[in-house]
Amino acid sequence: LRASGRRAMLVTGRRLDDLLSVCECRELFDYVVAENGALVYDPQSREI
């Protein structure tokens, strides 16, 4: 999907630290929407 030039977002109800402890391919996502929409995380810059 990413090689085709498309974007990807992971959208979860999990807390961010909980997600990062189990998700081993977060670099494949442009953004992670965590805590059911309350938090947006950039895996590249690690900005929350």
All heavy atoms as atom14 arrays in JSON, in Angstrom:
{
  "sequence": "LRASGRRAMLVTGRRLDDLLSVCECRELFDYVVAENGALVYDPQSREI",
  "atom14_mask": [
    [1, 1, 1, 1, 1, 1, 1, 1, 0, 0, 0, 0, 0, 0],
    [1, 1, 1, 1, 1, 1, 1, 1, 1, 1, 1, 0, 0, 0],
    [1, 1, 1, 1, 1, 0, 0, 0, 0, 0, 0, 0, 0, 0],
    [1, 1, 1, 1, 1, 1, 0, 0, 0, 0, 0, 0, 0, 0],
    [1, 1, 1, 1, 0, 0, 0, 0, 0, 0, 0, 0, 0, 0],
    [1, 1, 1, 1, 1, 1, 1, 1, 1, 1, 1, 0, 0, 0],
    [1, 1, 1, 1, 1, 1, 1, 1, 1, 1, 1, 0, 0, 0],
    [1, 1, 1, 1, 1, 0, 0, 0, 0, 0, 0, 0, 0, 0],
    [1, 1, 1, 1, 1, 1, 1, 1, 0, 0, 0, 0, 0, 0],
    [1, 1, 1, 1, 1, 1, 1, 1, 0, 0, 0, 0, 0, 0],
    [1, 1, 1, 1, 1, 1, 1, 0, 0, 0, 0, 0, 0, 0],
    [1, 1, 1, 1, 1, 1, 1, 0, 0, 0, 0, 0, 0, 0],
    [1, 1, 1, 1, 0, 0, 0, 0, 0, 0, 0, 0, 0, 0],
    [1, 1, 1, 1, 1, 1, 1, 1, 1, 1, 1, 0, 0, 0],
    [1, 1, 1, 1, 1, 1, 1, 1, 1, 1, 1, 0, 0, 0],
    [1, 1, 1, 1, 1, 1, 1, 1, 0, 0, 0, 0, 0, 0],
    [1, 1, 1, 1, 1, 1, 1, 1, 0, 0, 0, 0, 0, 0],
    [1, 1, 1, 1, 1, 1, 1, 1, 0, 0, 0, 0, 0, 0],
    [1, 1, 1, 1, 1, 1, 1, 1, 0, 0, 0, 0, 0, 0],
    [1, 1, 1, 1, 1, 1, 1, 1, 0, 0, 0, 0, 0, 0],
    [1, 1, 1, 1, 1, 1, 0, 0, 0, 0, 0, 0, 0, 0],
    [1, 1, 1, 1, 1, 1, 1, 0, 0, 0, 0, 0, 0, 0],
    [1, 1, 1, 1, 1, 1, 0, 0, 0, 0, 0, 0, 0, 0],
    [1, 1, 1, 1, 1, 1, 1, 1, 1, 0, 0, 0, 0, 0],
    [1, 1, 1, 1, 1, 1, 0, 0, 0, 0, 0, 0, 0, 0],
    [1, 1, 1, 1, 1, 1, 1, 1, 1, 1, 1, 0, 0, 0],
    [1, 1, 1, 1, 1, 1, 1, 1, 1, 0, 0, 0, 0, 0],
    [1, 1, 1, 1, 1, 1, 1, 1, 0, 0, 0, 0, 0, 0],
    [1, 1, 1, 1, 1, 1, 1, 1, 1, 1, 1, 0, 0, 0],
    [1, 1, 1, 1, 1, 1, 1, 1, 0, 0, 0, 0, 0, 0],
    [1, 1, 1, 1, 1, 1, 1, 1, 1, 1, 1, 1, 0, 0],
    [1, 1, 1, 1, 1, 1, 1, 0, 0, 0, 0, 0, 0, 0],
    [1, 1, 1, 1, 1, 1, 1, 0, 0, 0, 0, 0, 0, 0],
    [1, 1, 1, 1, 1, 0, 0, 0, 0, 0, 0, 0, 0, 0],
    [1, 1, 1, 1, 1, 1, 1, 1, 1, 0, 0, 0, 0, 0],
    [1, 1, 1, 1, 1, 1, 1, 1, 0, 0, 0, 0, 0, 0],
    [1, 1, 1, 1, 0, 0, 0, 0, 0, 0, 0, 0, 0, 0],
    [1, 1, 1, 1, 1, 0, 0, 0, 0, 0, 0, 0, 0, 0],
    [1, 1, 1, 1, 1, 1, 1, 1, 0, 0, 0, 0, 0, 0],
    [1, 1, 1, 1, 1, 1, 1, 0, 0, 0, 0, 0, 0, 0],
    [1, 1, 1, 1, 1, 1, 1, 1, 1, 1, 1, 1, 0, 0],
    [1, 1, 1, 1, 1, 1, 1, 1, 0, 0, 0, 0, 0, 0],
    [1, 1, 1, 1, 1, 1, 1, 0, 0, 0, 0, 0, 0, 0],
    [1, 1, 1, 1, 1, 1, 1, 1, 1, 0, 0, 0, 0, 0],
    [1, 1, 1, 1, 1, 1, 0, 0, 0, 0, 0, 0, 0, 0],
    [1, 1, 1, 1, 1, 1, 1, 1, 1, 1, 1, 0, 0, 0],
    [1, 1, 1, 1, 1, 1, 1, 1, 1, 0, 0, 0, 0, 0],
    [1, 1, 1, 1, 1, 1, 1, 1, 0, 0, 0, 0, 0, 0]
  ],
  "atom14_positions": [
    [[0.83, -1.2, 0.0], [0.0, 0.0, 0.0], [0.87, 1.26, 0.0], [0.65, 2.18, -0.79], [-0.91, -0.01, 1.23], [-1.82, 1.21, 1.39], [-3.11, 1.01, 0.63], [-2.12, 1.49, 2.85], [0.0, 0.0, 0.0], [0.0, 0.0, 0.0], [0.0, 0.0, 0.0], [0.0, 0.0, 0.0], [0.0, 0.0, 0.0], [0.0, 0.0, 0.0]],
    [[1.87, 1.3, 0.87], [2.74, 2.45, 0.96], [3.59, 2.6, -0.29], [3.84, 3.72, -0.75], [3.63, 2.35, 2.21], [2.88, 2.4, 3.54], [2.03, 3.65, 3.68], [2.82, 4.87, 3.56], [3.43, 5.46, 4.58], [3.32, 4.97, 5.8], [4.12, 6.56, 4.39], [0.0, 0.0, 0.0], [0.0, 0.0, 0.0], [0.0, 0.0, 0.0]],
    [[4.02, 1.5, -0.86], [4.83, 1.55, -2.09], [4.03, 2.12, -3.26], [4.61, 2.68, -4.19], [5.35, 0.15, -2.43], [0.0, 0.0, 0.0], [0.0, 0.0, 0.0], [0.0, 0.0, 0.0], [0.0, 0.0, 0.0], [0.0, 0.0, 0.0], [0.0, 0.0, 0.0], [0.0, 0.0, 0.0], [0.0, 0.0, 0.0], [0.0, 0.0, 0.0]],
    [[2.7, 2.02, -3.2], [1.84, 2.56, -4.26], [1.67, 4.07, -4.15], [1.03, 4.69, -4.99], [0.47, 1.89, -4.22], [-0.3, 2.4, -3.13], [0.0, 0.0, 0.0], [0.0, 0.0, 0.0], [0.0, 0.0, 0.0], [0.0, 0.0, 0.0], [0.0, 0.0, 0.0], [0.0, 0.0, 0.0], [0.0, 0.0, 0.0], [0.0, 0.0, 0.0]],
    [[2.22, 4.65, -3.08], [2.1, 6.09, -2.85], [0.94, 6.48, -1.97], [0.71, 7.66, -1.7], [0.0, 0.0, 0.0], [0.0, 0.0, 0.0], [0.0, 0.0, 0.0], [0.0, 0.0, 0.0], [0.0, 0.0, 0.0], [0.0, 0.0, 0.0], [0.0, 0.0, 0.0], [0.0, 0.0, 0.0], [0.0, 0.0, 0.0], [0.0, 0.0, 0.0]],
    [[0.19, 5.48, -1.49], [-0.96, 5.77, -0.64], [-0.53, 5.97, 0.82], [0.55, 5.56, 1.21], [-1.99, 4.64, -0.75], [-2.7, 4.65, -2.1], [-3.62, 3.45, -2.27], [-4.43, 3.58, -3.47], [-4.01, 3.23, -4.69], [-2.79, 2.71, -4.84], [-4.8, 3.38, -5.72], [0.0, 0.0, 0.0], [0.0, 0.0, 0.0], [0.0, 0.0, 0.0]],
    [[-1.42, 6.6, 1.57], [-1.17, 6.89, 2.98], [-1.88, 5.88, 3.86], [-2.85, 5.25, 3.43], [-1.67, 8.3, 3.32], [-1.09, 9.39, 2.44], [0.39, 9.6, 2.68], [0.83, 10.88, 2.19], [1.85, 11.56, 2.69], [2.56, 11.05, 3.69], [2.2, 12.72, 2.18], [0.0, 0.0, 0.0], [0.0, 0.0, 0.0], [0.0, 0.0, 0.0]],
    [[-1.42, 5.76, 5.1], [-2.05, 4.82, 6.04], [-2.15, 5.45, 7.42], [-1.21, 6.11, 7.88], [-1.25, 3.52, 6.1], [0.0, 0.0, 0.0], [0.0, 0.0, 0.0], [0.0, 0.0, 0.0], [0.0, 0.0, 0.0], [0.0, 0.0, 0.0], [0.0, 0.0, 0.0], [0.0, 0.0, 0.0], [0.0, 0.0, 0.0], [0.0, 0.0, 0.0]],
    [[-3.28, 5.22, 8.06], [-3.51, 5.68, 9.43], [-4.0, 4.51, 10.27], [-4.87, 3.76, 9.84], [-4.56, 6.79, 9.45], [-4.12, 8.1, 8.87], [-5.52, 9.2, 8.56], [-6.12, 8.54, 7.02], [0.0, 0.0, 0.0], [0.0, 0.0, 0.0], [0.0, 0.0, 0.0], [0.0, 0.0, 0.0], [0.0, 0.0, 0.0], [0.0, 0.0, 0.0]],
    [[-3.42, 4.36, 11.44], [-3.85, 3.34, 12.4], [-4.74, 4.02, 13.42], [-4.35, 5.05, 14.0], [-2.64, 2.71, 13.07], [-2.88, 1.53, 13.99], [-3.59, 0.4, 13.25], [-1.57, 1.03, 14.59], [0.0, 0.0, 0.0], [0.0, 0.0, 0.0], [0.0, 0.0, 0.0], [0.0, 0.0, 0.0], [0.0, 0.0, 0.0], [0.0, 0.0, 0.0]],
    [[-5.94, 3.48, 13.64], [-6.94, 4.14, 14.48], [-7.37, 3.15, 15.57], [-7.97, 2.12, 15.27], [-8.16, 4.58, 13.64], [-9.09, 5.45, 14.47], [-7.71, 5.34, 12.39], [0.0, 0.0, 0.0], [0.0, 0.0, 0.0], [0.0, 0.0, 0.0], [0.0, 0.0, 0.0], [0.0, 0.0, 0.0], [0.0, 0.0, 0.0], [0.0, 0.0, 0.0]],
    [[-7.08, 3.48, 16.82], [-7.27, 2.5, 17.9], [-7.82, 3.14, 19.17], [-7.62, 4.34, 19.41], [-5.93, 1.8, 18.22], [-6.12, 0.85, 19.27], [-4.86, 2.79, 18.64], [0.0, 0.0, 0.0], [0.0, 0.0, 0.0], [0.0, 0.0, 0.0], [0.0, 0.0, 0.0], [0.0, 0.0, 0.0], [0.0, 0.0, 0.0], [0.0, 0.0, 0.0]],
    [[-8.48, 2.33, 19.96], [-8.92, 2.76, 21.28], [-7.84, 2.59, 22.33], [-7.97, 3.08, 23.45], [0.0, 0.0, 0.0], [0.0, 0.0, 0.0], [0.0, 0.0, 0.0], [0.0, 0.0, 0.0], [0.0, 0.0, 0.0], [0.0, 0.0, 0.0], [0.0, 0.0, 0.0], [0.0, 0.0, 0.0], [0.0, 0.0, 0.0], [0.0, 0.0, 0.0]],
    [[-6.75, 1.91, 21.98], [-5.68, 1.66, 22.95], [-4.95, 2.94, 23.34], [-4.87, 3.9, 22.58], [-4.64, 0.7, 22.35], [-5.07, -0.75, 22.27], [-3.9, -1.57, 21.76], [-4.2, -2.97, 21.55], [-3.59, -3.97, 22.18], [-2.64, -3.73, 23.06], [-3.92, -5.23, 21.91], [0.0, 0.0, 0.0], [0.0, 0.0, 0.0], [0.0, 0.0, 0.0]],
    [[-4.36, 2.9, 24.54], [-3.41, 3.93, 24.93], [-2.17, 3.81, 24.04], [-1.82, 2.72, 23.6], [-3.01, 3.78, 26.39], [-4.13, 4.1, 27.38], [-3.72, 3.84, 28.82], [-3.53, 2.42, 29.06], [-2.37, 1.83, 29.27], [-1.24, 2.52, 29.24], [-2.31, 0.53, 29.5], [0.0, 0.0, 0.0], [0.0, 0.0, 0.0], [0.0, 0.0, 0.0]],
    [[-1.49, 4.92, 23.79], [-0.37, 4.91, 22.86], [0.76, 4.0, 23.35], [1.29, 3.2, 22.56], [0.16, 6.33, 22.66], [1.31, 6.45, 21.66], [0.89, 6.0, 20.26], [1.84, 7.88, 21.62], [0.0, 0.0, 0.0], [0.0, 0.0, 0.0], [0.0, 0.0, 0.0], [0.0, 0.0, 0.0], [0.0, 0.0, 0.0], [0.0, 0.0, 0.0]],
    [[1.12, 4.09, 24.62], [2.22, 3.25, 25.09], [1.88, 1.77, 25.02], [2.73, 0.93, 24.69], [2.65, 3.64, 26.52], [1.51, 3.6, 27.52], [0.34, 3.42, 27.12], [1.78, 3.76, 28.73], [0.0, 0.0, 0.0], [0.0, 0.0, 0.0], [0.0, 0.0, 0.0], [0.0, 0.0, 0.0], [0.0, 0.0, 0.0], [0.0, 0.0, 0.0]],
    [[0.63, 1.45, 25.25], [0.17, 0.06, 25.13], [0.27, -0.4, 23.68], [0.77, -1.49, 23.39], [-1.29, -0.02, 25.63], [-1.85, -1.42, 25.55], [-1.1, -2.38, 25.75], [-3.06, -1.56, 25.28], [0.0, 0.0, 0.0], [0.0, 0.0, 0.0], [0.0, 0.0, 0.0], [0.0, 0.0, 0.0], [0.0, 0.0, 0.0], [0.0, 0.0, 0.0]],
    [[-0.17, 0.44, 22.74], [-0.09, 0.09, 21.32], [1.36, -0.1, 20.88], [1.69, -1.09, 20.22], [-0.74, 1.17, 20.47], [-0.62, 0.92, 18.97], [-1.58, -0.17, 18.52], [-0.81, 2.18, 18.18], [0.0, 0.0, 0.0], [0.0, 0.0, 0.0], [0.0, 0.0, 0.0], [0.0, 0.0, 0.0], [0.0, 0.0, 0.0], [0.0, 0.0, 0.0]],
    [[2.23, 0.83, 21.24], [3.61, 0.77, 20.79], [4.35, -0.45, 21.34], [5.33, -0.91, 20.76], [4.35, 2.06, 21.17], [3.83, 3.34, 20.51], [4.66, 4.53, 20.93], [3.8, 3.21, 19.0], [0.0, 0.0, 0.0], [0.0, 0.0, 0.0], [0.0, 0.0, 0.0], [0.0, 0.0, 0.0], [0.0, 0.0, 0.0], [0.0, 0.0, 0.0]],
    [[3.85, -0.98, 22.44], [4.49, -2.17, 23.03], [4.17, -3.44, 22.25], [4.88, -4.44, 22.37], [4.07, -2.34, 24.49], [2.71, -2.75, 24.59], [0.0, 0.0, 0.0], [0.0, 0.0, 0.0], [0.0, 0.0, 0.0], [0.0, 0.0, 0.0], [0.0, 0.0, 0.0], [0.0, 0.0, 0.0], [0.0, 0.0, 0.0], [0.0, 0.0, 0.0]],
    [[3.11, -3.41, 21.43], [2.72, -4.62, 20.69], [2.78, -4.46, 19.17], [2.89, -5.45, 18.45], [1.29, -5.09, 21.08], [1.24, -5.5, 22.54], [0.24, -4.02, 20.79], [0.0, 0.0, 0.0], [0.0, 0.0, 0.0], [0.0, 0.0, 0.0], [0.0, 0.0, 0.0], [0.0, 0.0, 0.0], [0.0, 0.0, 0.0], [0.0, 0.0, 0.0]],
    [[2.71, -3.22, 18.67], [2.7, -2.99, 17.23], [4.13, -2.79, 16.74], [4.77, -1.78, 17.07], [1.84, -1.78, 16.9], [1.77, -1.41, 15.13], [0.0, 0.0, 0.0], [0.0, 0.0, 0.0], [0.0, 0.0, 0.0], [0.0, 0.0, 0.0], [0.0, 0.0, 0.0], [0.0, 0.0, 0.0], [0.0, 0.0, 0.0], [0.0, 0.0, 0.0]],
    [[4.6, -3.73, 15.94], [6.0, -3.71, 15.52], [6.21, -3.07, 14.15], [7.33, -3.05, 13.65], [6.54, -5.14, 15.5], [6.52, -5.79, 16.89], [6.8, -7.28, 16.86], [6.77, -7.86, 15.75], [7.06, -7.85, 17.93], [0.0, 0.0, 0.0], [0.0, 0.0, 0.0], [0.0, 0.0, 0.0], [0.0, 0.0, 0.0], [0.0, 0.0, 0.0]],
    [[5.15, -2.54, 13.54], [5.32, -1.93, 12.21], [4.69, -0.54, 12.15], [4.09, -0.16, 11.16], [4.76, -2.83, 11.13], [3.03, -3.29, 11.32], [0.0, 0.0, 0.0], [0.0, 0.0, 0.0], [0.0, 0.0, 0.0], [0.0, 0.0, 0.0], [0.0, 0.0, 0.0], [0.0, 0.0, 0.0], [0.0, 0.0, 0.0], [0.0, 0.0, 0.0]],
    [[4.81, 0.21, 13.24], [4.23, 1.55, 13.27], [4.84, 2.49, 12.24], [4.24, 3.49, 11.86], [4.35, 2.15, 14.67], [5.74, 2.16, 15.26], [5.68, 2.59, 16.71], [6.96, 2.59, 17.38], [7.5, 1.55, 17.99], [6.84, 0.39, 18.02], [8.67, 1.62, 18.61], [0.0, 0.0, 0.0], [0.0, 0.0, 0.0], [0.0, 0.0, 0.0]],
    [[6.06, 2.17, 11.75], [6.69, 3.02, 10.74], [5.95, 2.99, 9.41], [6.18, 3.83, 8.53], [8.15, 2.6, 10.53], [8.36, 1.32, 9.75], [8.13, 0.04, 10.58], [7.87, 0.15, 11.8], [8.22, -1.05, 10.0], [0.0, 0.0, 0.0], [0.0, 0.0, 0.0], [0.0, 0.0, 0.0], [0.0, 0.0, 0.0], [0.0, 0.0, 0.0]],
    [[5.03, 2.04, 9.24], [4.25, 1.94, 8.01], [3.04, 2.88, 8.01], [2.31, 2.95, 7.03], [3.78, 0.51, 7.79], [4.89, -0.51, 7.48], [4.33, -1.92, 7.39], [5.61, -0.14, 6.19], [0.0, 0.0, 0.0], [0.0, 0.0, 0.0], [0.0, 0.0, 0.0], [0.0, 0.0, 0.0], [0.0, 0.0, 0.0], [0.0, 0.0, 0.0]],
    [[2.85, 3.6, 9.11], [1.69, 4.49, 9.23], [2.16, 5.95, 9.26], [3.12, 6.29, 9.94], [0.89, 4.17, 10.49], [0.31, 2.78, 10.48], [0.98, 1.74, 11.13], [-0.86, 2.52, 9.81], [0.47, 0.46, 11.09], [-1.38, 1.23, 9.77], [-0.71, 0.2, 10.41], [0.0, 0.0, 0.0], [0.0, 0.0, 0.0], [0.0, 0.0, 0.0]],
    [[1.43, 6.79, 8.53], [1.71, 8.23, 8.57], [1.32, 8.8, 9.92], [2.02, 9.67, 10.45], [0.93, 8.93, 7.45], [1.43, 8.53, 6.08], [2.45, 9.08, 5.64], [0.81, 7.64, 5.47], [0.0, 0.0, 0.0], [0.0, 0.0, 0.0], [0.0, 0.0, 0.0], [0.0, 0.0, 0.0], [0.0, 0.0, 0.0], [0.0, 0.0, 0.0]],
    [[0.2, 8.33, 10.44], [-0.25, 8.77, 11.76], [-0.9, 7.61, 12.5], [-1.48, 6.71, 11.87], [-1.26, 9.92, 11.65], [-0.63, 11.24, 11.28], [-0.65, 11.69, 9.97], [0.02, 12.02, 12.24], [-0.05, 12.88, 9.61], [0.62, 13.21, 11.9], [0.59, 13.64, 10.58], [1.2, 14.82, 10.23], [0.0, 0.0, 0.0], [0.0, 0.0, 0.0]],
    [[-0.78, 7.67, 13.82], [-1.51, 6.76, 14.7], [-2.51, 7.6, 15.49], [-2.13, 8.56, 16.17], [-0.57, 6.03, 15.67], [-1.37, 5.2, 16.68], [0.41, 5.13, 14.9], [0.0, 0.0, 0.0], [0.0, 0.0, 0.0], [0.0, 0.0, 0.0], [0.0, 0.0, 0.0], [0.0, 0.0, 0.0], [0.0, 0.0, 0.0], [0.0, 0.0, 0.0]],
    [[-3.78, 7.26, 15.36], [-4.85, 7.89, 16.15], [-5.13, 6.94, 17.3], [-5.62, 5.83, 17.09], [-6.11, 8.13, 15.31], [-7.23, 8.7, 16.17], [-5.8, 9.07, 14.13], [0.0, 0.0, 0.0], [0.0, 0.0, 0.0], [0.0, 0.0, 0.0], [0.0, 0.0, 0.0], [0.0, 0.0, 0.0], [0.0, 0.0, 0.0], [0.0, 0.0, 0.0]],
    [[-4.79, 7.34, 18.51], [-4.93, 6.46, 19.68], [-5.95, 7.02, 20.66], [-6.51, 8.1, 20.44], [-3.57, 6.29, 20.36], [0.0, 0.0, 0.0], [0.0, 0.0, 0.0], [0.0, 0.0, 0.0], [0.0, 0.0, 0.0], [0.0, 0.0, 0.0], [0.0, 0.0, 0.0], [0.0, 0.0, 0.0], [0.0, 0.0, 0.0], [0.0, 0.0, 0.0]],
    [[-6.19, 6.27, 21.72], [-7.15, 6.65, 22.77], [-8.51, 7.03, 22.19], [-9.16, 7.99, 22.6], [-6.58, 7.78, 23.64], [-5.35, 7.35, 24.41], [-5.03, 8.24, 25.6], [-5.84, 9.12, 25.95], [-3.95, 8.01, 26.2], [0.0, 0.0, 0.0], [0.0, 0.0, 0.0], [0.0, 0.0, 0.0], [0.0, 0.0, 0.0], [0.0, 0.0, 0.0]],
    [[-8.93, 6.26, 21.18], [-10.25, 6.44, 20.57], [-10.46, 7.83, 19.99], [-11.56, 8.37, 19.99], [-11.37, 6.12, 21.57], [-12.57, 5.48, 20.9], [-12.45, 4.4, 20.33], [-13.71, 6.14, 20.94], [0.0, 0.0, 0.0], [0.0, 0.0, 0.0], [0.0, 0.0, 0.0], [0.0, 0.0, 0.0], [0.0, 0.0, 0.0], [0.0, 0.0, 0.0]],
    [[-9.37, 8.41, 19.47], [-9.47, 9.71, 18.81], [-8.97, 10.88, 19.62], [-8.93, 12.0, 19.12], [0.0, 0.0, 0.0], [0.0, 0.0, 0.0], [0.0, 0.0, 0.0], [0.0, 0.0, 0.0], [0.0, 0.0, 0.0], [0.0, 0.0, 0.0], [0.0, 0.0, 0.0], [0.0, 0.0, 0.0], [0.0, 0.0, 0.0], [0.0, 0.0, 0.0]],
    [[-8.55, 10.65, 20.85], [-8.12, 11.75, 21.72], [-6.68, 12.16, 21.51], [-6.25, 13.22, 21.97], [-8.33, 11.37, 23.19], [0.0, 0.0, 0.0], [0.0, 0.0, 0.0], [0.0, 0.0, 0.0], [0.0, 0.0, 0.0], [0.0, 0.0, 0.0], [0.0, 0.0, 0.0], [0.0, 0.0, 0.0], [0.0, 0.0, 0.0], [0.0, 0.0, 0.0]],
    [[-5.93, 11.34, 20.79], [-4.48, 11.56, 20.66], [-4.05, 11.21, 19.24], [-4.47, 10.18, 18.7], [-3.77, 10.68, 21.68], [-2.26, 10.67, 21.82], [-1.87, 10.16, 23.2], [-1.59, 9.79, 20.76], [0.0, 0.0, 0.0], [0.0, 0.0, 0.0], [0.0, 0.0, 0.0], [0.0, 0.0, 0.0], [0.0, 0.0, 0.0], [0.0, 0.0, 0.0]],
    [[-3.22, 12.05, 18.63], [-2.67, 11.77, 17.3], [-1.15, 11.77, 17.41], [-0.55, 12.72, 17.92], [-3.15, 12.8, 16.25], [-2.47, 12.54, 14.9], [-4.66, 12.74, 16.11], [0.0, 0.0, 0.0], [0.0, 0.0, 0.0], [0.0, 0.0, 0.0], [0.0, 0.0, 0.0], [0.0, 0.0, 0.0], [0.0, 0.0, 0.0], [0.0, 0.0, 0.0]],
    [[-0.54, 10.68, 16.93], [0.91, 10.46, 17.06], [1.54, 10.34, 15.69], [1.03, 9.62, 14.82], [1.14, 9.18, 17.86], [2.56, 8.69, 17.94], [3.51, 9.35, 18.72], [2.95, 7.53, 17.26], [4.81, 8.88, 18.81], [4.25, 7.04, 17.35], [5.18, 7.74, 18.13], [6.46, 7.26, 18.22], [0.0, 0.0, 0.0], [0.0, 0.0, 0.0]],
    [[2.64, 11.06, 15.49], [3.41, 10.98, 14.25], [4.59, 10.04, 14.49], [5.51, 10.38, 15.23], [3.92, 12.38, 13.87], [4.71, 12.39, 12.57], [5.21, 11.32, 12.15], [4.86, 13.47, 11.97], [0.0, 0.0, 0.0], [0.0, 0.0, 0.0], [0.0, 0.0, 0.0], [0.0, 0.0, 0.0], [0.0, 0.0, 0.0], [0.0, 0.0, 0.0]],
    [[4.59, 8.84, 13.9], [5.67, 7.88, 14.16], [7.05, 8.36, 13.7], [8.07, 7.9, 14.23], [5.24, 6.63, 13.36], [3.77, 6.77, 13.19], [3.54, 8.24, 13.05], [0.0, 0.0, 0.0], [0.0, 0.0, 0.0], [0.0, 0.0, 0.0], [0.0, 0.0, 0.0], [0.0, 0.0, 0.0], [0.0, 0.0, 0.0], [0.0, 0.0, 0.0]],
    [[7.09, 9.26, 12.72], [8.38, 9.74, 12.24], [9.01, 10.73, 13.21], [10.17, 10.58, 13.61], [8.21, 10.39, 10.85], [7.61, 9.47, 9.8], [8.4, 8.19, 9.62], [9.62, 8.2, 9.55], [7.69, 7.06, 9.55], [0.0, 0.0, 0.0], [0.0, 0.0, 0.0], [0.0, 0.0, 0.0], [0.0, 0.0, 0.0], [0.0, 0.0, 0.0]],
    [[8.25, 11.75, 13.59], [8.78, 12.78, 14.5], [8.57, 12.43, 15.97], [9.16, 13.06, 16.85], [8.1, 14.12, 14.21], [6.72, 14.06, 14.55], [0.0, 0.0, 0.0], [0.0, 0.0, 0.0], [0.0, 0.0, 0.0], [0.0, 0.0, 0.0], [0.0, 0.0, 0.0], [0.0, 0.0, 0.0], [0.0, 0.0, 0.0], [0.0, 0.0, 0.0]],
    [[7.69, 11.44, 16.21], [7.29, 11.05, 17.57], [6.54, 12.16, 18.3], [6.44, 12.17, 19.52], [8.48, 10.56, 18.4], [9.17, 9.35, 17.79], [10.21, 8.77, 18.7], [10.84, 7.61, 18.08], [11.8, 6.89, 18.64], [12.23, 7.2, 19.85], [12.31, 5.84, 18.02], [0.0, 0.0, 0.0], [0.0, 0.0, 0.0], [0.0, 0.0, 0.0]],
    [[5.99, 13.07, 17.54], [5.2, 14.17, 18.13], [3.81, 13.67, 18.48], [3.17, 12.96, 17.71], [5.11, 15.33, 17.13], [4.32, 16.51, 17.66], [4.2, 17.64, 16.65], [4.82, 17.55, 15.57], [3.46, 18.6, 16.95], [0.0, 0.0, 0.0], [0.0, 0.0, 0.0], [0.0, 0.0, 0.0], [0.0, 0.0, 0.0], [0.0, 0.0, 0.0]],
    [[3.34, 14.07, 19.66], [2.01, 13.71, 20.15], [1.15, 14.96, 20.22], [1.56, 15.98, 20.78], [2.08, 13.05, 21.54], [2.82, 11.71, 21.46], [0.68, 12.86, 22.13], [3.1, 11.09, 22.81], [0.0, 0.0, 0.0], [0.0, 0.0, 0.0], [0.0, 0.0, 0.0], [0.0, 0.0, 0.0], [0.0, 0.0, 0.0], [0.0, 0.0, 0.0]]
  ]
}
